[in-house]
Amino acid sequence: MRIVIAIISIFIFLKTLFYGIYEWKEQNNKCGSVVIVIIAIISLILPNILVSLRVNLSNYS
């Protein structure tokens, strides 16, 4: 399961990162691209931490 989550999070990270680079270069939207890159980094790190800690978020609702 960890490998599947890692592969999916890397895929989402790369897609979001490339969109942030596109916003920076083509659209000249510097602030938006920085926010998108931050979201990309969070989407890379957070799912892997949750899987490694085995946090079950369904118990907290």
N, C-alpha and C. Protein backbone atom coordinates (compact mmCIF):
# COMPACT_ATOMS: atom_id res chain seq x y z
N MET A 1 0.81 -1.19 0.00
CA MET A 1 0.00 0.00 0.00
C MET A 1 0.86 1.27 0.00
N ARG A 2 1.98 1.20 0.71
CA ARG A 2 2.86 2.38 0.77
C ARG A 2 3.41 2.73 -0.62
N ILE A 3 3.72 1.70 -1.40
CA ILE A 3 4.28 1.95 -2.73
C ILE A 3 3.23 2.60 -3.63
N VAL A 4 2.00 2.14 -3.54
CA VAL A 4 0.92 2.71 -4.36
C VAL A 4 0.69 4.17 -4.00
N ILE A 5 0.64 4.48 -2.72
CA ILE A 5 0.45 5.86 -2.28
C ILE A 5 1.64 6.72 -2.70
N ALA A 6 2.85 6.18 -2.61
CA ALA A 6 4.03 6.93 -3.01
C ALA A 6 4.00 7.25 -4.51
N ILE A 7 3.63 6.27 -5.33
CA ILE A 7 3.59 6.48 -6.77
C ILE A 7 2.51 7.50 -7.14
N ILE A 8 1.34 7.38 -6.53
CA ILE A 8 0.25 8.33 -6.81
C ILE A 8 0.62 9.73 -6.35
N SER A 9 1.24 9.86 -5.18
CA SER A 9 1.61 11.19 -4.69
C SER A 9 2.72 11.81 -5.54
N ILE A 10 3.64 11.00 -6.06
CA ILE A 10 4.67 11.53 -6.96
C ILE A 10 4.04 12.01 -8.27
N PHE A 11 3.09 11.24 -8.78
CA PHE A 11 2.39 11.64 -10.01
C PHE A 11 1.65 12.96 -9.81
N ILE A 12 0.91 13.09 -8.72
CA ILE A 12 0.17 14.32 -8.44
C ILE A 12 1.14 15.48 -8.21
N PHE A 13 2.24 15.22 -7.53
CA PHE A 13 3.25 16.26 -7.30
C PHE A 13 3.81 16.78 -8.62
N LEU A 14 4.16 15.87 -9.52
CA LEU A 14 4.75 16.30 -10.79
C LEU A 14 3.76 17.08 -11.64
N LYS A 15 2.50 16.61 -11.70
CA LYS A 15 1.49 17.32 -12.48
C LYS A 15 1.27 18.73 -11.92
N THR A 16 1.19 18.84 -10.60
CA THR A 16 0.96 20.14 -9.98
C THR A 16 2.18 21.04 -10.12
N LEU A 17 3.37 20.47 -9.99
CA LEU A 17 4.60 21.24 -10.13
C LEU A 17 4.73 21.80 -11.55
N PHE A 18 4.45 20.97 -12.55
CA PHE A 18 4.55 21.44 -13.93
C PHE A 18 3.52 22.53 -14.22
N TYR A 19 2.35 22.44 -13.61
CA TYR A 19 1.36 23.50 -13.78
C TYR A 19 1.84 24.79 -13.11
N GLY A 20 2.50 24.69 -11.97
CA GLY A 20 3.07 25.86 -11.31
C GLY A 20 4.17 26.50 -12.15
N ILE A 21 4.98 25.70 -12.80
CA ILE A 21 6.02 26.22 -13.69
C ILE A 21 5.39 26.90 -14.90
N TYR A 22 4.32 26.31 -15.42
CA TYR A 22 3.59 26.92 -16.54
C TYR A 22 3.02 28.28 -16.14
N GLU A 23 2.43 28.34 -14.95
CA GLU A 23 1.88 29.61 -14.48
C GLU A 23 2.99 30.66 -14.34
N TRP A 24 4.14 30.26 -13.86
CA TRP A 24 5.25 31.20 -13.65
C TRP A 24 5.76 31.75 -14.98
N LYS A 25 5.98 30.85 -15.95
CA LYS A 25 6.61 31.25 -17.21
C LYS A 25 5.63 31.86 -18.20
N GLU A 26 4.52 31.19 -18.45
CA GLU A 26 3.62 31.59 -19.54
C GLU A 26 2.61 32.65 -19.11
N GLN A 27 2.08 32.54 -17.92
CA GLN A 27 1.01 33.43 -17.49
C GLN A 27 1.52 34.59 -16.65
N ASN A 28 2.79 34.56 -16.26
CA ASN A 28 3.40 35.58 -15.41
C ASN A 28 2.63 35.79 -14.11
N ASN A 29 2.15 34.70 -13.54
CA ASN A 29 1.41 34.73 -12.29
C ASN A 29 2.34 34.19 -11.20
N LYS A 30 3.16 35.07 -10.65
CA LYS A 30 4.19 34.65 -9.71
C LYS A 30 3.60 34.18 -8.38
N CYS A 31 2.66 34.93 -7.85
CA CYS A 31 2.07 34.59 -6.55
C CYS A 31 1.29 33.28 -6.64
N GLY A 32 0.52 33.12 -7.68
CA GLY A 32 -0.25 31.89 -7.86
C GLY A 32 0.63 30.67 -8.05
N SER A 33 1.73 30.85 -8.76
CA SER A 33 2.61 29.71 -9.00
C SER A 33 3.33 29.28 -7.72
N VAL A 34 3.65 30.22 -6.86
CA VAL A 34 4.29 29.86 -5.59
C VAL A 34 3.31 29.07 -4.72
N VAL A 35 2.06 29.50 -4.69
CA VAL A 35 1.05 28.77 -3.92
C VAL A 35 0.84 27.37 -4.48
N ILE A 36 0.83 27.24 -5.79
CA ILE A 36 0.66 25.93 -6.43
C ILE A 36 1.84 25.01 -6.11
N VAL A 37 3.05 25.54 -6.09
CA VAL A 37 4.22 24.72 -5.75
C VAL A 37 4.16 24.29 -4.29
N ILE A 38 3.69 25.16 -3.41
CA ILE A 38 3.53 24.78 -2.00
C ILE A 38 2.51 23.66 -1.86
N ILE A 39 1.40 23.76 -2.59
CA ILE A 39 0.40 22.70 -2.58
C ILE A 39 0.99 21.40 -3.12
N ALA A 40 1.84 21.50 -4.13
CA ALA A 40 2.47 20.31 -4.70
C ALA A 40 3.38 19.63 -3.67
N ILE A 41 4.12 20.41 -2.93
CA ILE A 41 5.01 19.84 -1.91
C ILE A 41 4.20 19.19 -0.80
N ILE A 42 3.10 19.83 -0.40
CA ILE A 42 2.24 19.24 0.62
C ILE A 42 1.63 17.94 0.12
N SER A 43 1.22 17.92 -1.15
CA SER A 43 0.61 16.70 -1.70
C SER A 43 1.63 15.58 -1.87
N LEU A 44 2.91 15.90 -1.86
CA LEU A 44 3.94 14.87 -1.92
C LEU A 44 4.24 14.32 -0.53
N ILE A 45 4.30 15.17 0.45
CA ILE A 45 4.76 14.78 1.78
C ILE A 45 3.65 14.22 2.66
N LEU A 46 2.52 14.90 2.72
CA LEU A 46 1.49 14.56 3.70
C LEU A 46 0.90 13.15 3.54
N PRO A 47 0.54 12.69 2.33
CA PRO A 47 0.00 11.32 2.24
C PRO A 47 0.99 10.24 2.68
N ASN A 48 2.24 10.45 2.39
CA ASN A 48 3.25 9.47 2.78
C ASN A 48 3.45 9.44 4.29
N ILE A 49 3.36 10.58 4.93
CA ILE A 49 3.45 10.63 6.39
C ILE A 49 2.24 9.93 7.01
N LEU A 50 1.06 10.22 6.49
CA LEU A 50 -0.14 9.59 7.04
C LEU A 50 -0.12 8.08 6.88
N VAL A 51 0.38 7.59 5.76
CA VAL A 51 0.46 6.14 5.56
C VAL A 51 1.52 5.53 6.48
N SER A 52 2.64 6.21 6.64
CA SER A 52 3.69 5.65 7.48
C SER A 52 3.31 5.67 8.96
N LEU A 53 2.50 6.63 9.36
CA LEU A 53 2.05 6.68 10.76
C LEU A 53 0.78 5.87 10.97
N ARG A 54 0.18 5.40 9.86
CA ARG A 54 -1.06 4.63 9.91
C ARG A 54 -2.17 5.38 10.63
N VAL A 55 -2.32 6.64 10.28
CA VAL A 55 -3.35 7.47 10.88
C VAL A 55 -4.66 7.16 10.19
N ASN A 56 -5.67 6.83 10.98
CA ASN A 56 -6.99 6.54 10.46
C ASN A 56 -7.88 7.75 10.72
N LEU A 57 -8.08 8.56 9.70
CA LEU A 57 -8.85 9.79 9.86
C LEU A 57 -10.34 9.54 9.96
N SER A 58 -10.81 8.35 9.63
CA SER A 58 -12.24 8.09 9.69
C SER A 58 -12.75 7.96 11.12
N ASN A 59 -11.87 7.74 12.07
CA ASN A 59 -12.28 7.63 13.46
C ASN A 59 -12.54 8.98 14.10
N TYR A 60 -12.10 10.05 13.47
CA TYR A 60 -12.20 11.37 14.08
C TYR A 60 -13.44 12.14 13.68
N SER A 61 -14.29 11.58 12.84
CA SER A 61 -15.48 12.32 12.41
C SER A 61 -16.67 12.05 13.29
